[in-house]
Amino acid sequence: MRVLHRPVELTDRKMAFFWYEKSTMQDNLEALIALSDVYFKGYGVSPNSDMGLFWLNKAVDFKDVIATLQLAQIYYFGMYGISPN
């Protein structure tokens, strides 16, 4: 069963970023998706669409359906400052 992450409180965002980033080094799929969301929305870091796409694409490389759907939506609707495609 897959557990989706939920946004963390403002005081915990920097700590969450630290642990998400550390978990991505072990190819943790949920952390890859969560870290992309952190960068897209600017939770604990400055918003950065390029880094958000980088981490989301790494999750897509694992053939993850949710990550693939999120990536498709970002390009289709032109979210996070990315031009619709």
C-alpha atoms as a PDB file:
ATOM      1  CA  MET A   1       0.000   0.000   0.000  1.00  0.00           C
ATOM      2  CA  ARG A   2       1.276   3.414  -0.914  1.00  0.00           C
ATOM      3  CA  VAL A   3       1.041   6.308   1.511  1.00  0.00           C
ATOM      4  CA  LEU A   4       0.973   9.749  -0.056  1.00  0.00           C
ATOM      5  CA  HIS A   5       2.780  12.532   1.719  1.00  0.00           C
ATOM      6  CA  ARG A   6       0.966  15.493   3.143  1.00  0.00           C
ATOM      7  CA  PRO A   7       2.310  19.023   3.507  1.00  0.00           C
ATOM      8  CA  VAL A   8       4.143  19.561   6.770  1.00  0.00           C
ATOM      9  CA  GLU A   9       3.795  22.501   9.104  1.00  0.00           C
ATOM     10  CA  LEU A  10       5.900  25.568   8.334  1.00  0.00           C
ATOM     11  CA  THR A  11       8.253  24.954  11.270  1.00  0.00           C
ATOM     12  CA  ASP A  12       8.957  21.412  10.072  1.00  0.00           C
ATOM     13  CA  ARG A  13       9.501  22.172   6.388  1.00  0.00           C
ATOM     14  CA  LYS A  14      13.260  22.589   6.515  1.00  0.00           C
ATOM     15  CA  MET A  15      13.610  19.355   8.457  1.00  0.00           C
ATOM     16  CA  ALA A  16      11.267  17.594   6.008  1.00  0.00           C
ATOM     17  CA  PHE A  17      13.369  18.890   3.115  1.00  0.00           C
ATOM     18  CA  PHE A  18      16.490  17.492   4.774  1.00  0.00           C
ATOM     19  CA  TRP A  19      14.955  14.026   5.210  1.00  0.00           C
ATOM     20  CA  TYR A  20      13.317  13.941   1.765  1.00  0.00           C
ATOM     21  CA  GLU A  21      16.650  14.835   0.188  1.00  0.00           C
ATOM     22  CA  LYS A  22      18.472  12.204   2.241  1.00  0.00           C
ATOM     23  CA  SER A  23      15.868   9.572   1.275  1.00  0.00           C
ATOM     24  CA  THR A  24      16.185  10.352  -2.427  1.00  0.00           C
ATOM     25  CA  MET A  25      19.814   9.273  -2.234  1.00  0.00           C
ATOM     26  CA  GLN A  26      18.462   5.792  -1.491  1.00  0.00           C
ATOM     27  CA  ASP A  27      16.016   5.997  -4.430  1.00  0.00           C
ATOM     28  CA  ASN A  28      12.978   6.221  -2.154  1.00  0.00           C
ATOM     29  CA  LEU A  29      10.082   6.750  -4.556  1.00  0.00           C
ATOM     30  CA  GLU A  30       7.832   8.632  -2.130  1.00  0.00           C
ATOM     31  CA  ALA A  31      10.725  10.939  -1.249  1.00  0.00           C
ATOM     32  CA  LEU A  32      11.392  11.652  -4.937  1.00  0.00           C
ATOM     33  CA  ILE A  33       7.784  12.729  -5.448  1.00  0.00           C
ATOM     34  CA  ALA A  34       7.673  14.651  -2.161  1.00  0.00           C
ATOM     35  CA  LEU A  35      10.904  16.492  -2.925  1.00  0.00           C
ATOM     36  CA  SER A  36       9.592  17.506  -6.340  1.00  0.00           C
ATOM     37  CA  ASP A  37       6.512  18.912  -4.602  1.00  0.00           C
ATOM     38  CA  VAL A  38       8.698  20.760  -2.100  1.00  0.00           C
ATOM     39  CA  TYR A  39      10.548  22.460  -4.952  1.00  0.00           C
ATOM     40  CA  PHE A  40       7.429  23.207  -7.000  1.00  0.00           C
ATOM     41  CA  LYS A  41       5.612  24.792  -4.060  1.00  0.00           C
ATOM     42  CA  GLY A  42       8.590  26.244  -2.218  1.00  0.00           C
ATOM     43  CA  TYR A  43       8.100  24.424   1.091  1.00  0.00           C
ATOM     44  CA  GLY A  44      11.232  25.259   3.077  1.00  0.00           C
ATOM     45  CA  VAL A  45      13.171  26.280  -0.057  1.00  0.00           C
ATOM     46  CA  SER A  46      12.751  28.834  -2.815  1.00  0.00           C
ATOM     47  CA  PRO A  47      10.347  27.571  -5.495  1.00  0.00           C
ATOM     48  CA  ASN A  48      12.334  26.003  -8.324  1.00  0.00           C
ATOM     49  CA  SER A  49      10.476  24.385 -11.237  1.00  0.00           C
ATOM     50  CA  ASP A  50      13.668  22.970 -12.758  1.00  0.00           C
ATOM     51  CA  MET A  51      14.513  21.057  -9.578  1.00  0.00           C
ATOM     52  CA  GLY A  52      10.884  19.995  -9.201  1.00  0.00           C
ATOM     53  CA  LEU A  53      10.959  18.530 -12.702  1.00  0.00           C
ATOM     54  CA  PHE A  54      14.314  16.888 -12.049  1.00  0.00           C
ATOM     55  CA  TRP A  55      13.030  14.952  -9.021  1.00  0.00           C
ATOM     56  CA  LEU A  56       9.673  14.160 -10.602  1.00  0.00           C
ATOM     57  CA  ASN A  57      11.411  12.782 -13.690  1.00  0.00           C
ATOM     58  CA  LYS A  58      13.537  10.551 -11.453  1.00  0.00           C
ATOM     59  CA  ALA A  59      10.291   9.139 -10.011  1.00  0.00           C
ATOM     60  CA  VAL A  60       8.941   8.655 -13.544  1.00  0.00           C
ATOM     61  CA  ASP A  61      12.106   6.673 -14.346  1.00  0.00           C
ATOM     62  CA  PHE A  62      10.847   4.116 -11.803  1.00  0.00           C
ATOM     63  CA  LYS A  63       7.730   3.725 -13.981  1.00  0.00           C
ATOM     64  CA  ASP A  64       5.571   5.194 -11.208  1.00  0.00           C
ATOM     65  CA  VAL A  65       2.024   5.878 -12.401  1.00  0.00           C
ATOM     66  CA  ILE A  66       1.325   8.738  -9.976  1.00  0.00           C
ATOM     67  CA  ALA A  67       4.560  10.539 -10.860  1.00  0.00           C
ATOM     68  CA  THR A  68       3.831  10.067 -14.571  1.00  0.00           C
ATOM     69  CA  LEU A  69       0.324  11.474 -14.132  1.00  0.00           C
ATOM     70  CA  GLN A  70       1.635  14.461 -12.170  1.00  0.00           C
ATOM     71  CA  LEU A  71       4.226  15.177 -14.854  1.00  0.00           C
ATOM     72  CA  ALA A  72       1.583  14.952 -17.581  1.00  0.00           C
ATOM     73  CA  GLN A  73      -0.683  17.360 -15.678  1.00  0.00           C
ATOM     74  CA  ILE A  74       2.125  19.855 -15.177  1.00  0.00           C
ATOM     75  CA  TYR A  75       2.847  19.979 -18.903  1.00  0.00           C
ATOM     76  CA  TYR A  76      -0.788  19.781 -20.013  1.00  0.00           C
ATOM     77  CA  PHE A  77      -2.066  22.552 -17.744  1.00  0.00           C
ATOM     78  CA  GLY A  78       1.143  24.594 -17.611  1.00  0.00           C
ATOM     79  CA  MET A  79       1.603  24.502 -13.847  1.00  0.00           C
ATOM     80  CA  TYR A  80       4.408  26.021 -11.724  1.00  0.00           C
ATOM     81  CA  GLY A  81       5.465  28.474 -14.424  1.00  0.00           C
ATOM     82  CA  ILE A  82       5.971  25.772 -17.055  1.00  0.00           C
ATOM     83  CA  SER A  83       4.412  26.485 -20.435  1.00  0.00           C
ATOM     84  CA  PRO A  84       1.513  24.227 -21.448  1.00  0.00           C
ATOM     85  CA  ASN A  85       2.601  21.630 -23.930  1.00  0.00           C
END
